[in-house]
Amino acid sequence: GAVTSILKDFSNDVLEQTNEAVKDVATEARDELKVEGEFQNR
């Protein structure tokens, strides 16, 4: 039970950190697409 509890806490931490990274990178990509491209006069 102790090992299971430790592994569950670790996996929750990894999942939380991964989700935050996905949010940050996705919003950066969106912001980059808003200014990217050679069609400036639209």
PDB file of all heavy atoms in Angstrom:
ATOM      1  N   GLY A   1       0.812  -1.211   0.000  1.00  0.00           N
ATOM      2  CA  GLY A   1       0.000   0.000   0.000  1.00  0.00           C
ATOM      3  C   GLY A   1       0.847   1.263   0.000  1.00  0.00           C
ATOM      4  O   GLY A   1       0.499   2.254  -0.649  1.00  0.00           O
ATOM      5  N   ALA A   2       1.985   1.245   0.708  1.00  0.00           N
ATOM      6  CA  ALA A   2       2.861   2.417   0.758  1.00  0.00           C
ATOM      7  C   ALA A   2       3.497   2.680  -0.606  1.00  0.00           C
ATOM      8  O   ALA A   2       3.552   3.828  -1.064  1.00  0.00           O
ATOM      9  CB  ALA A   2       3.946   2.209   1.813  1.00  0.00           C
ATOM     10  N   VAL A   3       3.952   1.641  -1.262  1.00  0.00           N
ATOM     11  CA  VAL A   3       4.553   1.805  -2.584  1.00  0.00           C
ATOM     12  C   VAL A   3       3.501   2.292  -3.579  1.00  0.00           C
ATOM     13  O   VAL A   3       3.762   3.186  -4.389  1.00  0.00           O
ATOM     14  CB  VAL A   3       5.206   0.486  -3.060  1.00  0.00           C
ATOM     15  CG1 VAL A   3       5.611   0.569  -4.524  1.00  0.00           C
ATOM     16  CG2 VAL A   3       6.395   0.144  -2.203  1.00  0.00           C
ATOM     17  N   THR A   4       2.314   1.737  -3.512  1.00  0.00           N
ATOM     18  CA  THR A   4       1.230   2.165  -4.398  1.00  0.00           C
ATOM     19  C   THR A   4       0.904   3.633  -4.179  1.00  0.00           C
ATOM     20  O   THR A   4       0.703   4.390  -5.137  1.00  0.00           O
ATOM     21  CB  THR A   4      -0.023   1.299  -4.159  1.00  0.00           C
ATOM     22  OG1 THR A   4       0.315  -0.073  -4.379  1.00  0.00           O
ATOM     23  CG2 THR A   4      -1.143   1.695  -5.098  1.00  0.00           C
ATOM     24  N   SER A   5       0.869   4.059  -2.942  1.00  0.00           N
ATOM     25  CA  SER A   5       0.577   5.456  -2.627  1.00  0.00           C
ATOM     26  C   SER A   5       1.659   6.393  -3.160  1.00  0.00           C
ATOM     27  O   SER A   5       1.361   7.449  -3.735  1.00  0.00           O
ATOM     28  CB  SER A   5       0.447   5.621  -1.115  1.00  0.00           C
ATOM     29  OG  SER A   5       0.292   6.966  -0.768  1.00  0.00           O
ATOM     30  N   ILE A   6       2.906   6.008  -3.001  1.00  0.00           N
ATOM     31  CA  ILE A   6       4.020   6.829  -3.490  1.00  0.00           C
ATOM     32  C   ILE A   6       3.974   6.934  -5.013  1.00  0.00           C
ATOM     33  O   ILE A   6       4.136   8.021  -5.574  1.00  0.00           O
ATOM     34  CB  ILE A   6       5.364   6.241  -3.013  1.00  0.00           C
ATOM     35  CG1 ILE A   6       5.505   6.423  -1.505  1.00  0.00           C
ATOM     36  CG2 ILE A   6       6.531   6.883  -3.742  1.00  0.00           C
ATOM     37  CD1 ILE A   6       6.655   5.661  -0.897  1.00  0.00           C
ATOM     38  N   LEU A   7       3.736   5.822  -5.695  1.00  0.00           N
ATOM     39  CA  LEU A   7       3.674   5.837  -7.151  1.00  0.00           C
ATOM     40  C   LEU A   7       2.481   6.646  -7.660  1.00  0.00           C
ATOM     41  O   LEU A   7       2.581   7.344  -8.680  1.00  0.00           O
ATOM     42  CB  LEU A   7       3.628   4.418  -7.701  1.00  0.00           C
ATOM     43  CG  LEU A   7       4.914   3.611  -7.551  1.00  0.00           C
ATOM     44  CD1 LEU A   7       4.716   2.186  -8.044  1.00  0.00           C
ATOM     45  CD2 LEU A   7       6.058   4.281  -8.290  1.00  0.00           C
ATOM     46  N   LYS A   8       1.366   6.586  -6.964  1.00  0.00           N
ATOM     47  CA  LYS A   8       0.189   7.358  -7.363  1.00  0.00           C
ATOM     48  C   LYS A   8       0.455   8.856  -7.210  1.00  0.00           C
ATOM     49  O   LYS A   8       0.100   9.655  -8.083  1.00  0.00           O
ATOM     50  CB  LYS A   8      -1.025   6.958  -6.527  1.00  0.00           C
ATOM     51  CG  LYS A   8      -2.321   7.592  -7.010  1.00  0.00           C
ATOM     52  CD  LYS A   8      -3.505   7.153  -6.171  1.00  0.00           C
ATOM     53  CE  LYS A   8      -3.931   5.798  -6.671  1.00  0.00           C
ATOM     54  NZ  LYS A   8      -5.180   5.345  -6.039  1.00  0.00           N
ATOM     55  N   ASP A   9       1.100   9.246  -6.096  1.00  0.00           N
ATOM     56  CA  ASP A   9       1.458  10.655  -5.908  1.00  0.00           C
ATOM     57  C   ASP A   9       2.422  11.123  -6.987  1.00  0.00           C
ATOM     58  O   ASP A   9       2.279  12.225  -7.532  1.00  0.00           O
ATOM     59  CB  ASP A   9       2.092  10.873  -4.532  1.00  0.00           C
ATOM     60  CG  ASP A   9       1.092  10.729  -3.398  1.00  0.00           C
ATOM     61  OD1 ASP A   9      -0.131  10.783  -3.665  1.00  0.00           O
ATOM     62  OD2 ASP A   9       1.548  10.571  -2.248  1.00  0.00           O
ATOM     63  N   PHE A  10       3.404  10.288  -7.328  1.00  0.00           N
ATOM     64  CA  PHE A  10       4.372  10.631  -8.361  1.00  0.00           C
ATOM     65  C   PHE A  10       3.687  10.783  -9.718  1.00  0.00           C
ATOM     66  O   PHE A  10       3.936  11.743 -10.450  1.00  0.00           O
ATOM     67  CB  PHE A  10       5.470   9.570  -8.444  1.00  0.00           C
ATOM     68  CG  PHE A  10       6.449   9.811  -9.547  1.00  0.00           C
ATOM     69  CD1 PHE A  10       7.394  10.820  -9.448  1.00  0.00           C
ATOM     70  CD2 PHE A  10       6.424   9.040 -10.700  1.00  0.00           C
ATOM     71  CE1 PHE A  10       8.298  11.054 -10.459  1.00  0.00           C
ATOM     72  CE2 PHE A  10       7.321   9.279 -11.724  1.00  0.00           C
ATOM     73  CZ  PHE A  10       8.257  10.286 -11.597  1.00  0.00           C
ATOM     74  N   SER A  11       2.811   9.850 -10.058  1.00  0.00           N
ATOM     75  CA  SER A  11       2.139   9.926 -11.355  1.00  0.00           C
ATOM     76  C   SER A  11       1.222  11.138 -11.425  1.00  0.00           C
ATOM     77  O   SER A  11       1.099  11.767 -12.482  1.00  0.00           O
ATOM     78  CB  SER A  11       1.365   8.641 -11.652  1.00  0.00           C
ATOM     79  OG  SER A  11       0.262   8.504 -10.778  1.00  0.00           O
ATOM     80  N   ASN A  12       0.591  11.521 -10.311  1.00  0.00           N
ATOM     81  CA  ASN A  12      -0.237  12.729 -10.300  1.00  0.00           C
ATOM     82  C   ASN A  12       0.614  13.980 -10.516  1.00  0.00           C
ATOM     83  O   ASN A  12       0.205  14.899 -11.225  1.00  0.00           O
ATOM     84  CB  ASN A  12      -1.022  12.840  -8.995  1.00  0.00           C
ATOM     85  CG  ASN A  12      -2.152  11.832  -8.915  1.00  0.00           C
ATOM     86  OD1 ASN A  12      -2.599  11.306  -9.916  1.00  0.00           O
ATOM     87  ND2 ASN A  12      -2.594  11.554  -7.703  1.00  0.00           N
ATOM     88  N   ASP A  13       1.792  14.019  -9.908  1.00  0.00           N
ATOM     89  CA  ASP A  13       2.700  15.153 -10.097  1.00  0.00           C
ATOM     90  C   ASP A  13       3.173  15.246 -11.551  1.00  0.00           C
ATOM     91  O   ASP A  13       3.212  16.328 -12.132  1.00  0.00           O
ATOM     92  CB  ASP A  13       3.908  15.040  -9.167  1.00  0.00           C
ATOM     93  CG  ASP A  13       3.554  15.275  -7.712  1.00  0.00           C
ATOM     94  OD1 ASP A  13       2.474  15.839  -7.451  1.00  0.00           O
ATOM     95  OD2 ASP A  13       4.364  14.897  -6.845  1.00  0.00           O
ATOM     96  N   VAL A  14       3.530  14.102 -12.125  1.00  0.00           N
ATOM     97  CA  VAL A  14       3.979  14.075 -13.518  1.00  0.00           C
ATOM     98  C   VAL A  14       2.850  14.526 -14.441  1.00  0.00           C
ATOM     99  O   VAL A  14       3.064  15.335 -15.355  1.00  0.00           O
ATOM    100  CB  VAL A  14       4.471  12.664 -13.906  1.00  0.00           C
ATOM    101  CG1 VAL A  14       4.674  12.540 -15.416  1.00  0.00           C
ATOM    102  CG2 VAL A  14       5.753  12.330 -13.173  1.00  0.00           C
ATOM    103  N   LEU A  15       1.641  14.048 -14.197  1.00  0.00           N
ATOM    104  CA  LEU A  15       0.492  14.424 -15.013  1.00  0.00           C
ATOM    105  C   LEU A  15       0.211  15.918 -14.915  1.00  0.00           C
ATOM    106  O   LEU A  15      -0.049  16.585 -15.921  1.00  0.00           O
ATOM    107  CB  LEU A  15      -0.736  13.618 -14.586  1.00  0.00           C
ATOM    108  CG  LEU A  15      -1.996  13.799 -15.413  1.00  0.00           C
ATOM    109  CD1 LEU A  15      -1.764  13.330 -16.839  1.00  0.00           C
ATOM    110  CD2 LEU A  15      -3.137  13.025 -14.784  1.00  0.00           C
ATOM    111  N   GLU A  16       0.302  16.456 -13.719  1.00  0.00           N
ATOM    112  CA  GLU A  16       0.062  17.893 -13.516  1.00  0.00           C
ATOM    113  C   GLU A  16       1.107  18.742 -14.243  1.00  0.00           C
ATOM    114  O   GLU A  16       0.767  19.709 -14.938  1.00  0.00           O
ATOM    115  CB  GLU A  16       0.083  18.201 -12.020  1.00  0.00           C
ATOM    116  CG  GLU A  16      -0.207  19.636 -11.679  1.00  0.00           C
ATOM    117  CD  GLU A  16      -0.163  19.859 -10.180  1.00  0.00           C
ATOM    118  OE1 GLU A  16      -0.755  19.043  -9.440  1.00  0.00           O
ATOM    119  OE2 GLU A  16       0.465  20.846  -9.766  1.00  0.00           O
ATOM    120  N   GLN A  17       2.374  18.372 -14.124  1.00  0.00           N
ATOM    121  CA  GLN A  17       3.443  19.114 -14.781  1.00  0.00           C
ATOM    122  C   GLN A  17       3.331  19.006 -16.313  1.00  0.00           C
ATOM    123  O   GLN A  17       3.559  19.984 -17.030  1.00  0.00           O
ATOM    124  CB  GLN A  17       4.822  18.616 -14.331  1.00  0.00           C
ATOM    125  CG  GLN A  17       5.120  18.905 -12.883  1.00  0.00           C
ATOM    126  CD  GLN A  17       5.169  20.391 -12.604  1.00  0.00           C
ATOM    127  OE1 GLN A  17       5.633  21.182 -13.412  1.00  0.00           O
ATOM    128  NE2 GLN A  17       4.658  20.773 -11.453  1.00  0.00           N
ATOM    129  N   THR A  18       2.976  17.830 -16.798  1.00  0.00           N
ATOM    130  CA  THR A  18       2.823  17.632 -18.236  1.00  0.00           C
ATOM    131  C   THR A  18       1.657  18.457 -18.776  1.00  0.00           C
ATOM    132  O   THR A  18       1.764  19.085 -19.830  1.00  0.00           O
ATOM    133  CB  THR A  18       2.610  16.141 -18.543  1.00  0.00           C
ATOM    134  OG1 THR A  18       3.695  15.395 -18.006  1.00  0.00           O
ATOM    135  CG2 THR A  18       2.523  15.883 -20.027  1.00  0.00           C
ATOM    136  N   ASN A  19       0.541  18.475 -18.057  1.00  0.00           N
ATOM    137  CA  ASN A  19      -0.616  19.259 -18.487  1.00  0.00           C
ATOM    138  C   ASN A  19      -0.299  20.752 -18.540  1.00  0.00           C
ATOM    139  O   ASN A  19      -0.714  21.455 -19.461  1.00  0.00           O
ATOM    140  CB  ASN A  19      -1.809  19.012 -17.565  1.00  0.00           C
ATOM    141  CG  ASN A  19      -2.424  17.648 -17.770  1.00  0.00           C
ATOM    142  OD1 ASN A  19      -2.130  16.954 -18.738  1.00  0.00           O
ATOM    143  ND2 ASN A  19      -3.282  17.244 -16.855  1.00  0.00           N
ATOM    144  N   GLU A  20       0.441  21.235 -17.557  1.00  0.00           N
ATOM    145  CA  GLU A  20       0.832  22.647 -17.561  1.00  0.00           C
ATOM    146  C   GLU A  20       1.746  22.960 -18.746  1.00  0.00           C
ATOM    147  O   GLU A  20       1.621  24.016 -19.379  1.00  0.00           O
ATOM    148  CB  GLU A  20       1.523  23.011 -16.249  1.00  0.00           C
ATOM    149  CG  GLU A  20       0.581  23.074 -15.065  1.00  0.00           C
ATOM    150  CD  GLU A  20       1.303  23.373 -13.760  1.00  0.00           C
ATOM    151  OE1 GLU A  20       2.480  23.794 -13.811  1.00  0.00           O
ATOM    152  OE2 GLU A  20       0.698  23.185 -12.699  1.00  0.00           O
ATOM    153  N   ALA A  21       2.655  22.048 -19.051  1.00  0.00           N
ATOM    154  CA  ALA A  21       3.555  22.243 -20.195  1.00  0.00           C
ATOM    155  C   ALA A  21       2.765  22.269 -21.497  1.00  0.00           C
ATOM    156  O   ALA A  21       3.030  23.095 -22.375  1.00  0.00           O
ATOM    157  CB  ALA A  21       4.612  21.139 -20.233  1.00  0.00           C
ATOM    158  N   VAL A  22       1.775  21.389 -21.633  1.00  0.00           N
ATOM    159  CA  VAL A  22       0.940  21.359 -22.837  1.00  0.00           C
ATOM    160  C   VAL A  22       0.187  22.672 -22.985  1.00  0.00           C
ATOM    161  O   VAL A  22       0.124  23.248 -24.082  1.00  0.00           O
ATOM    162  CB  VAL A  22      -0.034  20.153 -22.793  1.00  0.00           C
ATOM    163  CG1 VAL A  22      -1.111  20.273 -23.856  1.00  0.00           C
ATOM    164  CG2 VAL A  22       0.727  18.849 -22.959  1.00  0.00           C
ATOM    165  N   LYS A  23      -0.372  23.187 -21.899  1.00  0.00           N
ATOM    166  CA  LYS A  23      -1.100  24.461 -21.958  1.00  0.00           C
ATOM    167  C   LYS A  23      -0.179  25.603 -22.388  1.00  0.00           C
ATOM    168  O   LYS A  23      -0.542  26.409 -23.247  1.00  0.00           O
ATOM    169  CB  LYS A  23      -1.708  24.785 -20.591  1.00  0.00           C
ATOM    170  CG  LYS A  23      -2.898  23.958 -20.227  1.00  0.00           C
ATOM    171  CD  LYS A  23      -3.413  24.332 -18.851  1.00  0.00           C
ATOM    172  CE  LYS A  23      -4.537  23.421 -18.418  1.00  0.00           C
ATOM    173  NZ  LYS A  23      -5.006  23.728 -17.056  1.00  0.00           N
ATOM    174  N   ASP A  24       0.998  25.660 -21.793  1.00  0.00           N
ATOM    175  CA  ASP A  24       1.928  26.744 -22.104  1.00  0.00           C
ATOM    176  C   ASP A  24       2.387  26.700 -23.558  1.00  0.00           C
ATOM    177  O   ASP A  24       2.388  27.723 -24.255  1.00  0.00           O
ATOM    178  CB  ASP A  24       3.140  26.695 -21.171  1.00  0.00           C
ATOM    179  CG  ASP A  24       2.784  27.015 -19.727  1.00  0.00           C
ATOM    180  OD1 ASP A  24       1.691  27.558 -19.495  1.00  0.00           O
ATOM    181  OD2 ASP A  24       3.614  26.722 -18.840  1.00  0.00           O
ATOM    182  N   VAL A  25       2.769  25.527 -24.028  1.00  0.00           N
ATOM    183  CA  VAL A  25       3.289  25.405 -25.386  1.00  0.00           C
ATOM    184  C   VAL A  25       2.178  25.639 -26.408  1.00  0.00           C
ATOM    185  O   VAL A  25       2.402  26.279 -27.444  1.00  0.00           O
ATOM    186  CB  VAL A  25       3.964  24.030 -25.587  1.00  0.00           C
ATOM    187  CG1 VAL A  25       4.307  23.784 -27.043  1.00  0.00           C
ATOM    188  CG2 VAL A  25       5.211  23.933 -24.731  1.00  0.00           C
ATOM    189  N   ALA A  26       0.975  25.179 -26.135  1.00  0.00           N
ATOM    190  CA  ALA A  26      -0.139  25.376 -27.075  1.00  0.00           C
ATOM    191  C   ALA A  26      -0.492  26.852 -27.204  1.00  0.00           C
ATOM    192  O   ALA A  26      -0.731  27.342 -28.317  1.00  0.00           O
ATOM    193  CB  ALA A  26      -1.351  24.575 -26.630  1.00  0.00           C
ATOM    194  N   THR A  27      -0.508  27.574 -26.100  1.00  0.00           N
ATOM    195  CA  THR A  27      -0.820  28.999 -26.190  1.00  0.00           C
ATOM    196  C   THR A  27       0.307  29.764 -26.889  1.00  0.00           C
ATOM    197  O   THR A  27       0.043  30.707 -27.635  1.00  0.00           O
ATOM    198  CB  THR A  27      -1.101  29.605 -24.807  1.00  0.00           C
ATOM    199  OG1 THR A  27      -0.016  29.328 -23.928  1.00  0.00           O
ATOM    200  CG2 THR A  27      -2.390  29.061 -24.224  1.00  0.00           C
ATOM    201  N   GLU A  28       1.561  29.340 -26.679  1.00  0.00           N
ATOM    202  CA  GLU A  28       2.683  29.954 -27.401  1.00  0.00           C
ATOM    203  C   GLU A  28       2.558  29.706 -28.899  1.00  0.00           C
ATOM    204  O   GLU A  28       2.810  30.606 -29.710  1.00  0.00           O
ATOM    205  CB  GLU A  28       4.015  29.392 -26.910  1.00  0.00           C
ATOM    206  CG  GLU A  28       4.477  29.926 -25.596  1.00  0.00           C
ATOM    207  CD  GLU A  28       5.802  29.310 -25.157  1.00  0.00           C
ATOM    208  OE1 GLU A  28       6.577  28.846 -26.035  1.00  0.00           O
ATOM    209  OE2 GLU A  28       6.060  29.291 -23.952  1.00  0.00           O
ATOM    210  N   ALA A  29       2.177  28.487 -29.279  1.00  0.00           N
ATOM    211  CA  ALA A  29       2.015  28.156 -30.702  1.00  0.00           C
ATOM    212  C   ALA A  29       0.897  28.988 -31.315  1.00  0.00           C
ATOM    213  O   ALA A  29       1.029  29.486 -32.436  1.00  0.00           O
ATOM    214  CB  ALA A  29       1.738  26.667 -30.869  1.00  0.00           C
ATOM    215  N   ARG A  30      -0.210  29.157 -30.591  1.00  0.00           N
ATOM    216  CA  ARG A  30      -1.307  29.980 -31.086  1.00  0.00           C
ATOM    217  C   ARG A  30      -0.846  31.412 -31.304  1.00  0.00           C
ATOM    218  O   ARG A  30      -1.108  32.014 -32.342  1.00  0.00           O
ATOM    219  CB  ARG A  30      -2.478  29.961 -30.100  1.00  0.00           C
ATOM    220  CG  ARG A  30      -3.644  30.828 -30.574  1.00  0.00           C
ATOM    221  CD  ARG A  30      -4.505  31.331 -29.464  1.00  0.00           C
ATOM    222  NE  ARG A  30      -3.722  32.093 -28.501  1.00  0.00           N
ATOM    223  CZ  ARG A  30      -4.056  32.221 -27.238  1.00  0.00           C
ATOM    224  NH1 ARG A  30      -5.127  31.639 -26.769  1.00  0.00           N
ATOM    225  NH2 ARG A  30      -3.315  32.939 -26.420  1.00  0.00           N
ATOM    226  N   ASP A  31      -0.134  31.956 -30.329  1.00  0.00           N
ATOM    227  CA  ASP A  31       0.349  33.322 -30.445  1.00  0.00           C
ATOM    228  C   ASP A  31       1.339  33.473 -31.604  1.00  0.00           C
ATOM    229  O   ASP A  31       1.351  34.489 -32.296  1.00  0.00           O
ATOM    230  CB  ASP A  31       0.997  33.773 -29.140  1.00  0.00           C
ATOM    231  CG  ASP A  31      -0.002  33.854 -27.993  1.00  0.00           C
ATOM    232  OD1 ASP A  31      -1.228  33.908 -28.269  1.00  0.00           O
ATOM    233  OD2 ASP A  31       0.440  33.848 -26.827  1.00  0.00           O
ATOM    234  N   GLU A  32       2.153  32.451 -31.822  1.00  0.00           N
ATOM    235  CA  GLU A  32       3.118  32.498 -32.911  1.00  0.00           C
ATOM    236  C   GLU A  32       2.417  32.424 -34.272  1.00  0.00           C
ATOM    237  O   GLU A  32       2.816  33.095 -35.218  1.00  0.00           O
ATOM    238  CB  GLU A  32       4.115  31.348 -32.772  1.00  0.00           C
ATOM    239  CG  GLU A  32       5.332  31.504 -33.623  1.00  0.00           C
ATOM    240  CD  GLU A  32       6.394  30.482 -33.278  1.00  0.00           C
ATOM    241  OE1 GLU A  32       6.518  30.112 -32.100  1.00  0.00           O
ATOM    242  OE2 GLU A  32       7.101  30.062 -34.206  1.00  0.00           O
ATOM    243  N   LEU A  33       1.353  31.630 -34.369  1.00  0.00           N
ATOM    244  CA  LEU A  33       0.617  31.543 -35.626  1.00  0.00           C
ATOM    245  C   LEU A  33      -0.101  32.849 -35.953  1.00  0.00           C
ATOM    246  O   LEU A  33      -0.336  33.153 -37.122  1.00  0.00           O
ATOM    247  CB  LEU A  33      -0.396  30.399 -35.568  1.00  0.00           C
ATOM    248  CG  LEU A  33       0.189  29.017 -35.808  1.00  0.00           C
ATOM    249  CD1 LEU A  33      -0.817  27.942 -35.443  1.00  0.00           C
ATOM    250  CD2 LEU A  33       0.642  28.863 -37.245  1.00  0.00           C
ATOM    251  N   LYS A  34      -0.430  33.625 -34.935  1.00  0.00           N
ATOM    252  CA  LYS A  34      -1.098  34.905 -35.174  1.00  0.00           C
ATOM    253  C   LYS A  34      -0.179  35.915 -35.852  1.00  0.00           C
ATOM    254  O   LYS A  34      -0.649  36.835 -36.509  1.00  0.00           O
ATOM    255  CB  LYS A  34      -1.623  35.490 -33.860  1.00  0.00           C
ATOM    256  CG  LYS A  34      -2.866  34.790 -33.357  1.00  0.00           C
ATOM    257  CD  LYS A  34      -3.416  35.477 -32.136  1.00  0.00           C
ATOM    258  CE  LYS A  34      -4.708  34.815 -31.689  1.00  0.00           C
ATOM    259  NZ  LYS A  34      -5.321  35.522 -30.572  1.00  0.00           N
ATOM    260  N   VAL A  35       1.129  35.754 -35.703  1.00  0.00           N
ATOM    261  CA  VAL A  35       2.064  36.697 -36.324  1.00  0.00           C
ATOM    262  C   VAL A  35       2.895  36.061 -37.435  1.00  0.00           C
ATOM    263  O   VAL A  35       3.611  36.766 -38.129  1.00  0.00           O
ATOM    264  CB  VAL A  35       3.013  37.315 -35.269  1.00  0.00           C
ATOM    265  CG1 VAL A  35       2.245  38.113 -34.263  1.00  0.00           C
ATOM    266  CG2 VAL A  35       3.861  36.262 -34.598  1.00  0.00           C
ATOM    267  N   GLU A  36       2.813  34.751 -37.607  1.00  0.00           N
ATOM    268  CA  GLU A  36       3.627  34.037 -38.586  1.00  0.00           C
ATOM    269  C   GLU A  36       3.018  34.161 -39.979  1.00  0.00           C
ATOM    270  O   GLU A  36       1.823  34.324 -40.142  1.00  0.00           O
ATOM    271  CB  GLU A  36       3.723  32.553 -38.198  1.00  0.00           C
ATOM    272  CG  GLU A  36       4.686  31.747 -39.008  1.00  0.00           C
ATOM    273  CD  GLU A  36       6.119  32.159 -38.786  1.00  0.00           C
ATOM    274  OE1 GLU A  36       6.479  32.537 -37.667  1.00  0.00           O
ATOM    275  OE2 GLU A  36       6.882  32.098 -39.746  1.00  0.00           O
ATOM    276  N   GLY A  37       3.832  34.102 -40.986  1.00  0.00           N
ATOM    277  CA  GLY A  37       3.361  34.084 -42.362  1.00  0.00           C
ATOM    278  C   GLY A  37       3.768  35.330 -43.114  1.00  0.00           C
ATOM    279  O   GLY A  37       4.022  36.379 -42.537  1.00  0.00           O
ATOM    280  N   GLU A  38       3.811  35.204 -44.428  1.00  0.00           N
ATOM    281  CA  GLU A  38       4.260  36.295 -45.280  1.00  0.00           C
ATOM    282  C   GLU A  38       3.101  37.095 -45.865  1.00  0.00           C
ATOM    283  O   GLU A  38       3.293  37.902 -46.744  1.00  0.00           O
ATOM    284  CB  GLU A  38       5.106  35.712 -46.411  1.00  0.00           C
ATOM    285  CG  GLU A  38       6.314  34.966 -45.906  1.00  0.00           C
ATOM    286  CD  GLU A  38       6.976  34.167 -46.997  1.00  0.00           C
ATOM    287  OE1 GLU A  38       6.556  34.272 -48.156  1.00  0.00           O
ATOM    288  OE2 GLU A  38       7.908  33.426 -46.675  1.00  0.00           O
ATOM    289  N   PHE A  39       1.898  36.860 -45.411  1.00  0.00           N
ATOM    290  CA  PHE A  39       0.726  37.539 -45.956  1.00  0.00           C
ATOM    291  C   PHE A  39       0.310  38.666 -45.011  1.00  0.00           C
ATOM    292  O   PHE A  39      -0.760  38.677 -44.439  1.00  0.00           O
ATOM    293  CB  PHE A  39      -0.427  36.545 -46.166  1.00  0.00           C
ATOM    294  CG  PHE A  39      -0.532  35.516 -45.079  1.00  0.00           C
ATOM    295  CD1 PHE A  39      -1.315  35.722 -43.963  1.00  0.00           C
ATOM    296  CD2 PHE A  39       0.190  34.341 -45.183  1.00  0.00           C
ATOM    297  CE1 PHE A  39      -1.397  34.775 -42.970  1.00  0.00           C
ATOM    298  CE2 PHE A  39       0.102  33.386 -44.184  1.00  0.00           C
ATOM    299  CZ  PHE A  39      -0.696  33.611 -43.075  1.00  0.00           C
ATOM    300  N   GLN A  40       1.179  39.661 -44.878  1.00  0.00           N
ATOM    301  CA  GLN A  40       1.003  40.741 -43.910  1.00  0.00           C
ATOM    302  C   GLN A  40      -0.106  41.719 -44.297  1.00  0.00           C
ATOM    303  O   GLN A  40      -0.674  42.374 -43.449  1.00  0.00           O
ATOM    304  CB  GLN A  40       2.311  41.523 -43.752  1.00  0.00           C
ATOM    305  CG  GLN A  40       3.472  40.698 -43.280  1.00  0.00           C
ATOM    306  CD  GLN A  40       3.323  40.243 -41.837  1.00  0.00           C
ATOM    307  OE1 GLN A  40       2.546  40.803 -41.088  1.00  0.00           O
ATOM    308  NE2 GLN A  40       4.048  39.215 -41.462  1.00  0.00           N
ATOM    309  N   ASN A  41      -0.417  41.847 -45.576  1.00  0.00           N
ATOM    310  CA  ASN A  41      -1.339  42.892 -46.006  1.00  0.00           C
ATOM    311  C   ASN A  41      -2.805  42.450 -45.997  1.00  0.00           C
ATOM    312  O   ASN A  41      -3.616  43.037 -46.694  1.00  0.00           O
ATOM    313  CB  ASN A  41      -0.949  43.377 -47.402  1.00  0.00           C
ATOM    314  CG  ASN A  41      -0.946  42.251 -48.413  1.00  0.00           C
ATOM    315  OD1 ASN A  41      -1.053  41.089 -48.056  1.00  0.00           O
ATOM    316  ND2 ASN A  41      -0.804  42.601 -49.677  1.00  0.00           N
ATOM    317  N   ARG A  42      -3.163  41.473 -45.251  1.00  0.00           N
ATOM    318  CA  ARG A  42      -4.537  40.987 -45.194  1.00  0.00           C
ATOM    319  C   ARG A  42      -5.301  41.693 -44.071  1.00  0.00           C
ATOM    320  O   ARG A  42      -4.722  42.381 -43.233  1.00  0.00           O
ATOM    321  CB  ARG A  42      -4.572  39.472 -44.977  1.00  0.00           C
ATOM    322  CG  ARG A  42      -3.888  38.702 -46.057  1.00  0.00           C
ATOM    323  CD  ARG A  42      -4.650  38.845 -47.354  1.00  0.00           C
ATOM    324  NE  ARG A  42      -4.002  38.067 -48.391  1.00  0.00           N
ATOM    325  CZ  ARG A  42      -4.122  38.328 -49.661  1.00  0.00           C
ATOM    326  NH1 ARG A  42      -4.848  39.337 -50.066  1.00  0.00           N
ATOM    327  NH2 ARG A  42      -3.513  37.596 -50.546  1.00  0.00           N
TER     328      ARG A  42
END
